[in-house]
């Protein structure tokens, strides 16, 4: 009798569990799918419709300011110490300054960069940094227009999103610190790092791949060029770094591997999408900006703006993309501000900063097939 009651109780519990799970609304949410490669290759970006809608909403470009009246005196004739964009009319210059306030410091206002008792004063480091960032925006929109940002361009808002310090910046990672005794040695990995999708892969890959323009061309490539080894290959740690940076790029753009690669043969350029070429140039653009525009700010930025190892903030793919495969959903933000699309102003350029042309892909790198 006791056995019969136990079996009956177990059957009743099973049916109740099935009923609970069946009526809990645990169904797959509606999905959004975008084909990025050839048909039949499963090269698709797949995400929930709710996530896609939220991502689009979070990446809306702000409305541009009303155009300034044409004509009028130049800003350099009206104001003192205008070292960048002095050829703009005073009205257009003021329009851009008001827009920059909304893009970067809407809560702090003009006083974030300016001494309102003397607007020509350069004592605030924020003003000197902003001047350099204007030059960087012009550099991006001119030098990198053809190979990466195209007609969309960038403005200060692309990275800042209404915050004085962009959300997605990075510093050198010091790794885990020991309070006392033996300092832990983890070979730069085995710590769940948000930069690499909370995996235990190497967490110092930004410093390895994004900091300097002279990074070797094969730094990320770890695949062999022949079926059987002919020379000593790269160590497994290099492959782990490549996986780590790919994870970081994927989460920075809110995509998966097949946005750029045909996973049948990840290294094959001929079956990759055009997005892979854009990403190749994007990596080199980030290196260019970090070396020529961010690293030289070391003496300009105060210690509290430096990282734990004393380095300046730097950018990565997420700094502009913020989880969208096209920053600000691909809006052509520079069209309303043509002064940001022009050639780089030379005034107040730090010594030793060369004007660098855009990187050119390896001639041996095949052009990817067009999108289907």
Protein backbone atom coordinates (compact mmCIF):
# COMPACT_ATOMS: atom_id res chain seq x y z
CA UNK A 1 0.00 0.00 0.00
CA UNK A 2 2.80 2.37 0.90
CA UNK A 3 4.52 1.62 -2.43
CA UNK A 4 1.29 2.27 -4.33
CA UNK A 5 0.84 5.65 -2.62
CA UNK A 6 4.46 6.56 -3.38
CA UNK A 7 4.01 5.72 -7.08
CA UNK A 8 0.72 7.65 -7.21
CA UNK A 9 2.38 10.66 -5.55
CA UNK A 10 5.25 10.54 -8.00
CA UNK A 11 2.86 10.35 -10.99
CA UNK A 12 0.81 13.25 -9.60
CA UNK A 13 3.96 15.34 -9.08
CA UNK A 14 5.05 14.56 -12.64
CA UNK A 15 1.73 15.68 -14.12
CA UNK A 16 1.72 18.83 -11.97
CA UNK A 17 5.25 19.66 -13.13
CA UNK A 18 4.27 19.13 -16.78
CA UNK A 19 1.20 21.30 -16.29
CA UNK A 20 3.24 24.03 -14.64
CA UNK A 21 5.86 24.08 -17.38
CA UNK A 22 3.25 23.87 -20.11
CA UNK A 23 1.26 26.85 -18.84
CA UNK A 24 4.14 29.10 -17.76
CA UNK A 25 4.49 30.78 -21.13
CA UNK A 26 8.00 29.42 -21.59
CA UNK A 27 8.06 29.63 -25.35
CA UNK A 28 10.80 30.87 -27.63
CA UNK A 29 10.46 34.63 -28.14
CA UNK A 30 9.93 35.97 -31.67
CA UNK A 31 13.27 36.06 -33.48
CA UNK A 32 14.78 38.50 -35.98
CA UNK A 33 17.09 37.09 -38.63
CA UNK A 34 19.32 38.96 -41.08
CA UNK A 35 21.22 37.15 -43.81
CA UNK A 36 24.82 38.34 -44.15
CA UNK A 37 26.36 35.76 -46.48
CA UNK A 38 25.58 33.28 -49.21
CA UNK A 39 22.34 31.33 -49.10
CA UNK A 40 22.65 27.93 -47.50
CA UNK A 41 25.72 28.82 -45.46
CA UNK A 42 23.83 29.80 -42.29
CA UNK A 43 25.59 33.18 -42.32
CA UNK A 44 22.93 35.06 -40.42
CA UNK A 45 22.68 37.43 -37.49
CA UNK A 46 19.98 36.02 -35.21
CA UNK A 47 18.57 37.81 -32.19
CA UNK A 48 15.25 38.29 -30.47
CA UNK A 49 13.00 40.97 -31.92
CA UNK A 50 12.77 42.61 -28.51
CA UNK A 51 16.56 42.82 -28.24
CA UNK A 52 16.84 44.22 -31.76
CA UNK A 53 14.19 46.86 -31.06
CA UNK A 54 15.89 47.85 -27.80
CA UNK A 55 19.24 48.14 -29.56
CA UNK A 56 17.77 50.37 -32.28
CA UNK A 57 16.11 52.55 -29.66
CA UNK A 58 19.34 52.89 -27.68
CA UNK A 59 21.28 54.02 -30.76
CA UNK A 60 19.14 56.88 -32.06
CA UNK A 61 21.09 59.87 -33.36
CA UNK A 62 20.07 63.24 -31.89
CA UNK A 63 18.39 65.77 -34.14
CA UNK A 64 20.89 68.29 -35.55
CA UNK A 65 20.76 71.93 -34.49
CA UNK A 66 19.01 74.40 -36.77
CA UNK A 67 21.35 75.73 -39.49
CA UNK A 68 23.09 79.01 -38.81
CA UNK A 69 22.43 82.06 -40.93
CA UNK A 70 24.98 82.27 -43.76
CA UNK A 71 27.61 84.97 -43.81
CA UNK A 72 28.92 87.07 -40.99
CA UNK A 73 32.35 87.53 -39.49
CA UNK A 74 34.66 84.62 -38.89
CA UNK A 75 34.87 83.12 -35.44
CA UNK A 76 38.59 83.89 -35.27
CA UNK A 77 37.78 87.59 -35.76
CA UNK A 78 35.03 87.66 -33.14
CA UNK A 79 36.57 85.46 -30.44
CA UNK A 80 40.07 85.14 -29.04
CA UNK A 81 42.20 82.00 -29.01
CA UNK A 82 40.17 80.04 -31.58
CA UNK A 83 42.75 77.49 -32.74
CA UNK A 84 40.40 75.07 -34.51
CA UNK A 85 37.52 75.99 -36.85
CA UNK A 86 38.39 79.67 -36.80
CA UNK A 87 37.34 79.96 -40.46
CA UNK A 88 33.71 79.23 -39.57
CA UNK A 89 31.32 82.12 -39.26
CA UNK A 90 30.74 83.15 -35.66
CA UNK A 91 27.12 81.97 -35.86
CA UNK A 92 28.09 78.56 -37.21
CA UNK A 93 30.87 78.27 -34.63
CA UNK A 94 28.37 78.98 -31.84
CA UNK A 95 25.99 76.41 -33.32
CA UNK A 96 28.70 73.75 -33.15
CA UNK A 97 29.66 74.74 -29.59
CA UNK A 98 26.03 74.42 -28.49
CA UNK A 99 25.78 71.02 -30.17
CA UNK A 100 28.99 69.83 -28.53
CA UNK A 101 27.57 70.82 -25.15
CA UNK A 102 24.53 68.63 -25.78
CA UNK A 103 26.65 65.78 -27.10
CA UNK A 104 29.24 65.73 -24.33
CA UNK A 105 28.18 67.68 -21.23
CA UNK A 106 24.45 68.48 -21.23
CA UNK A 107 24.31 68.60 -17.42
CA UNK A 108 27.54 70.53 -16.84
CA UNK A 109 27.01 72.99 -19.70
CA UNK A 110 29.62 75.37 -21.12
CA UNK A 111 31.51 75.52 -17.83
CA UNK A 112 32.69 71.94 -18.29
CA UNK A 113 35.28 73.21 -20.78
CA UNK A 114 35.29 76.98 -20.37
CA UNK A 115 36.13 79.55 -17.75
CA UNK A 116 33.09 81.76 -18.31
CA UNK A 117 34.95 84.74 -16.83
CA UNK A 118 37.42 84.46 -19.71
CA UNK A 119 36.33 82.17 -22.55
CA UNK A 120 39.78 82.44 -24.17
CA UNK A 121 41.43 80.90 -21.09
CA UNK A 122 42.98 77.46 -21.69
CA UNK A 123 43.54 76.58 -18.04
CA UNK A 124 40.86 73.87 -17.96
CA UNK A 125 42.23 70.60 -19.32
CA UNK A 126 38.81 69.74 -20.70
CA UNK A 127 39.07 72.58 -23.21
CA UNK A 128 42.47 71.44 -24.43
CA UNK A 129 41.24 67.86 -24.75
CA UNK A 130 38.08 68.97 -26.58
CA UNK A 131 40.18 70.92 -29.08
CA UNK A 132 42.22 67.79 -29.79
CA UNK A 133 39.08 65.67 -30.06
CA UNK A 134 37.69 68.06 -32.68
CA UNK A 135 40.82 67.44 -34.71
CA UNK A 136 40.36 63.70 -34.23
CA UNK A 137 36.77 63.83 -35.49
CA UNK A 138 37.92 65.71 -38.58
CA UNK A 139 40.66 63.13 -39.07
CA UNK A 140 38.20 60.24 -38.87
CA UNK A 141 35.73 61.83 -41.28
CA UNK A 142 38.40 62.67 -43.84
CA UNK A 143 41.17 60.06 -43.61
CA UNK A 144 38.94 57.11 -42.77
CA UNK A 145 35.89 58.07 -44.84
CA UNK A 146 36.60 55.75 -47.76
CA UNK A 147 37.63 52.67 -45.81
CA UNK A 148 35.49 52.74 -42.70
CA UNK A 149 33.06 55.51 -41.70
CA UNK A 150 31.88 56.31 -45.25
CA UNK A 151 29.14 58.92 -45.70
CA UNK A 152 27.75 58.43 -42.19
CA UNK A 153 30.76 59.92 -40.46
CA UNK A 154 31.02 60.59 -36.75
CA UNK A 155 30.43 63.44 -34.34
CA UNK A 156 31.30 63.79 -30.66
CA UNK A 157 27.95 62.15 -29.83
CA UNK A 158 28.94 58.92 -31.60
CA UNK A 159 31.18 58.04 -28.66
CA UNK A 160 30.05 60.29 -25.81
CA UNK A 161 26.26 59.79 -25.91
CA UNK A 162 25.67 62.75 -23.60
CA UNK A 163 28.45 61.81 -21.14
CA UNK A 164 31.72 63.70 -20.55
CA UNK A 165 33.59 60.39 -20.60
CA UNK A 166 32.47 57.77 -23.15
CA UNK A 167 31.10 54.61 -21.60
CA UNK A 168 33.27 52.19 -23.55
CA UNK A 169 36.90 53.08 -22.94
CA UNK A 170 39.74 50.93 -21.67
CA UNK A 171 42.92 51.11 -19.64
CA UNK A 172 45.79 48.69 -19.18
CA UNK A 173 44.51 45.83 -17.04
CA UNK A 174 46.74 45.22 -14.00
CA UNK A 175 45.20 41.83 -13.35
CA UNK A 176 44.32 40.45 -9.91
CA UNK A 177 46.19 41.96 -7.02
CA UNK A 178 47.39 40.00 -4.03
CA UNK A 179 46.82 41.69 -0.68
CA UNK A 180 49.97 40.13 0.73
CA UNK A 181 52.34 37.27 0.18
CA UNK A 182 52.98 35.78 -3.26
CA UNK A 183 51.70 37.79 -6.24
CA UNK A 184 49.44 35.53 -8.34
CA UNK A 185 50.63 34.66 -11.83
CA UNK A 186 47.75 33.83 -14.13
CA UNK A 187 49.49 34.37 -17.48
CA UNK A 188 47.12 37.24 -18.20
CA UNK A 189 44.00 35.09 -18.29
CA UNK A 190 41.76 32.78 -16.25
CA UNK A 191 39.84 35.76 -14.86
CA UNK A 192 36.29 36.40 -16.05
CA UNK A 193 36.72 39.68 -17.94
CA UNK A 194 33.78 41.67 -19.37
CA UNK A 195 36.04 42.78 -22.24
CA UNK A 196 36.09 39.23 -23.59
CA UNK A 197 32.54 38.15 -22.83
CA UNK A 198 33.21 37.08 -19.22
CA UNK A 199 35.36 34.23 -20.47
CA UNK A 200 38.69 33.16 -18.98
CA UNK A 201 40.51 34.08 -22.21
CA UNK A 202 43.38 36.62 -22.08
CA UNK A 203 42.12 39.98 -20.80
CA UNK A 204 44.99 42.14 -22.09
CA UNK A 205 44.12 41.87 -25.77
CA UNK A 206 43.19 45.53 -26.18
CA UNK A 207 46.74 46.52 -25.26
CA UNK A 208 48.07 43.83 -27.60
CA UNK A 209 45.94 44.67 -30.65
CA UNK A 210 44.52 48.21 -30.32
CA UNK A 211 47.24 50.41 -28.82
CA UNK A 212 49.87 50.89 -31.54
CA UNK A 213 49.99 51.32 -35.31
CA UNK A 214 53.16 49.25 -35.66
CA UNK A 215 51.38 46.11 -34.42
CA UNK A 216 52.54 43.25 -36.71
CA UNK A 217 50.15 42.41 -39.53
CA UNK A 218 50.00 38.78 -38.43
CA UNK A 219 49.33 39.58 -34.77
CA UNK A 220 45.74 38.34 -34.93
CA UNK A 221 46.24 35.68 -37.61
CA UNK A 222 47.07 32.30 -36.12
CA UNK A 223 45.97 29.92 -38.85
CA UNK A 224 48.54 27.92 -40.82
CA UNK A 225 49.06 28.55 -44.52
CA UNK A 226 49.48 24.89 -45.41
CA UNK A 227 47.72 21.64 -44.56
CA UNK A 228 50.77 20.25 -42.76
CA UNK A 229 53.16 22.31 -40.62
CA UNK A 230 56.27 23.47 -42.44
CA UNK A 231 57.65 25.82 -39.80
CA UNK A 232 57.19 26.39 -36.12
CA UNK A 233 53.66 27.71 -35.60
CA UNK A 234 52.28 30.15 -33.08
CA UNK A 235 51.69 29.03 -29.49
CA UNK A 236 48.21 28.25 -28.21
CA UNK A 237 48.28 31.48 -26.18
CA UNK A 238 48.22 33.48 -29.43
CA UNK A 239 45.17 31.56 -30.60
CA UNK A 240 43.49 32.33 -27.28
CA UNK A 241 44.20 36.04 -27.77
CA UNK A 242 42.65 35.88 -31.23
CA UNK A 243 39.53 34.21 -29.86
CA UNK A 244 39.39 36.87 -27.15
CA UNK A 245 39.56 39.84 -29.53
CA UNK A 246 36.98 38.26 -31.84
CA UNK A 247 34.58 37.82 -28.91
CA UNK A 248 35.17 41.44 -27.95
CA UNK A 249 34.47 42.67 -31.49
CA UNK A 250 31.33 40.57 -31.75
CA UNK A 251 29.83 41.91 -28.53
CA UNK A 252 30.94 45.46 -29.42
CA UNK A 253 28.89 45.28 -32.63
CA UNK A 254 26.08 43.09 -31.27
CA UNK A 255 26.67 40.38 -33.88
CA UNK A 256 28.00 36.85 -34.13
CA UNK A 257 30.91 35.33 -36.05
CA UNK A 258 29.00 34.95 -39.32
CA UNK A 259 28.58 38.71 -39.62
CA UNK A 260 32.11 38.68 -41.08
CA UNK A 261 33.14 35.05 -41.51
CA UNK A 262 31.94 31.91 -43.24
CA UNK A 263 32.56 29.43 -40.45
CA UNK A 264 33.15 26.65 -42.98
CA UNK A 265 36.55 28.26 -43.35
CA UNK A 266 36.96 31.25 -41.06
CA UNK A 267 40.27 32.31 -42.61
CA UNK A 268 39.03 32.29 -46.22
CA UNK A 269 38.61 35.86 -47.49
CA UNK A 270 36.83 34.82 -50.70
CA UNK A 271 33.81 33.50 -48.81
CA UNK A 272 33.78 36.21 -46.14
CA UNK A 273 31.36 39.13 -46.20
CA UNK A 274 32.38 42.75 -46.98
CA UNK A 275 31.96 43.38 -43.26
CA UNK A 276 35.26 41.61 -42.70
CA UNK A 277 37.13 44.18 -44.82
CA UNK A 278 35.39 46.99 -42.89
CA UNK A 279 36.48 45.34 -39.63
CA UNK A 280 40.07 45.02 -40.91
CA UNK A 281 40.19 48.77 -41.52
CA UNK A 282 38.35 49.46 -38.27
CA UNK A 283 41.07 47.74 -36.23
CA UNK A 284 43.69 49.91 -37.90
CA UNK A 285 41.64 53.04 -37.41
CA UNK A 286 41.42 52.33 -33.67
CA UNK A 287 45.21 51.87 -33.52
CA UNK A 288 45.70 55.12 -35.41
CA UNK A 289 43.42 57.10 -33.09
CA UNK A 290 44.84 55.62 -29.90
CA UNK A 291 48.46 56.27 -30.86
CA UNK A 292 48.12 59.71 -32.46
CA UNK A 293 45.29 61.24 -30.44
CA UNK A 294 44.79 59.45 -27.12
CA UNK A 295 48.30 58.51 -25.99
CA UNK A 296 49.67 62.07 -26.54
CA UNK A 297 47.11 63.32 -23.97
CA UNK A 298 49.04 61.70 -21.15
CA UNK A 299 50.38 65.01 -19.84
CA UNK A 300 47.14 66.90 -20.52
CA UNK A 301 44.81 64.65 -18.55
CA UNK A 302 45.06 64.87 -14.74
CA UNK A 303 46.02 61.79 -12.69
CA UNK A 304 42.40 61.05 -11.75
CA UNK A 305 41.63 60.50 -15.43
CA UNK A 306 44.40 57.92 -15.80
CA UNK A 307 44.03 54.19 -15.33
CA UNK A 308 45.37 52.05 -12.46
CA UNK A 309 48.71 51.73 -14.24
CA UNK A 310 48.89 55.43 -15.12
CA UNK A 311 47.86 55.15 -18.77
CA UNK A 312 45.30 57.36 -20.52
CA UNK A 313 41.83 56.17 -21.58
CA UNK A 314 41.76 54.56 -25.00
CA UNK A 315 39.11 53.39 -27.44
CA UNK A 316 38.01 50.11 -28.93
CA UNK A 317 35.24 49.07 -31.34
CA UNK A 318 32.55 49.46 -28.68
CA UNK A 319 33.48 53.11 -28.10
CA UNK A 320 31.70 54.08 -31.32
CA UNK A 321 29.47 51.08 -31.97
CA UNK A 322 27.91 50.67 -28.51
CA UNK A 323 26.51 47.24 -29.37
CA UNK A 324 25.20 48.14 -32.86
CA UNK A 325 26.82 46.92 -36.07
CA UNK A 326 26.50 50.48 -37.42
CA UNK A 327 27.04 53.33 -34.96
CA UNK A 328 23.80 55.24 -34.33
CA UNK A 329 22.01 52.83 -36.68
CA UNK A 330 24.00 54.14 -39.64
CA UNK A 331 22.67 57.71 -39.43
CA UNK A 332 24.60 60.20 -41.59
CA UNK A 333 25.42 62.41 -38.64
CA UNK A 334 28.18 64.42 -40.30
CA UNK A 335 25.96 65.78 -43.09
CA UNK A 336 24.53 68.47 -40.82
CA UNK A 337 28.01 69.45 -39.61
CA UNK A 338 30.24 69.70 -42.72
CA UNK A 339 32.88 71.53 -40.69
CA UNK A 340 33.59 68.19 -39.00
CA UNK A 341 34.11 66.46 -42.33
CA UNK A 342 36.86 68.74 -43.60
CA UNK A 343 40.62 68.33 -43.50
CA UNK A 344 42.36 68.19 -40.17
CA UNK A 345 43.19 71.59 -38.73
CA UNK A 346 46.90 72.04 -38.13
CA UNK A 347 46.71 74.56 -35.29
CA UNK A 348 47.67 73.38 -31.81
CA UNK A 349 48.84 70.02 -33.16
CA UNK A 350 51.18 68.36 -30.65
CA UNK A 351 54.74 67.98 -31.86
CA UNK A 352 55.67 64.68 -33.41
CA UNK A 353 52.16 63.74 -34.57
CA UNK A 354 52.33 62.83 -38.28
CA UNK A 355 49.42 62.98 -40.69
CA UNK A 356 48.87 59.31 -41.43
CA UNK A 357 47.07 57.95 -44.50
CA UNK A 358 44.52 55.20 -44.09
CA UNK A 359 45.86 51.68 -43.91
CA UNK A 360 45.88 49.57 -47.06
CA UNK A 361 45.00 45.87 -46.94
CA UNK A 362 47.62 43.27 -47.68
CA UNK A 363 47.80 42.92 -51.51
CA UNK A 364 47.55 39.17 -51.05
CA UNK A 365 44.27 39.51 -49.21
CA UNK A 366 41.44 38.56 -51.60
CA UNK A 367 38.49 40.89 -51.86
CA UNK A 368 35.41 39.32 -50.25
CA UNK A 369 32.51 38.26 -52.39
CA UNK A 370 29.67 40.77 -52.63
CA UNK A 371 26.65 40.37 -50.43
CA UNK A 372 23.97 38.14 -51.92
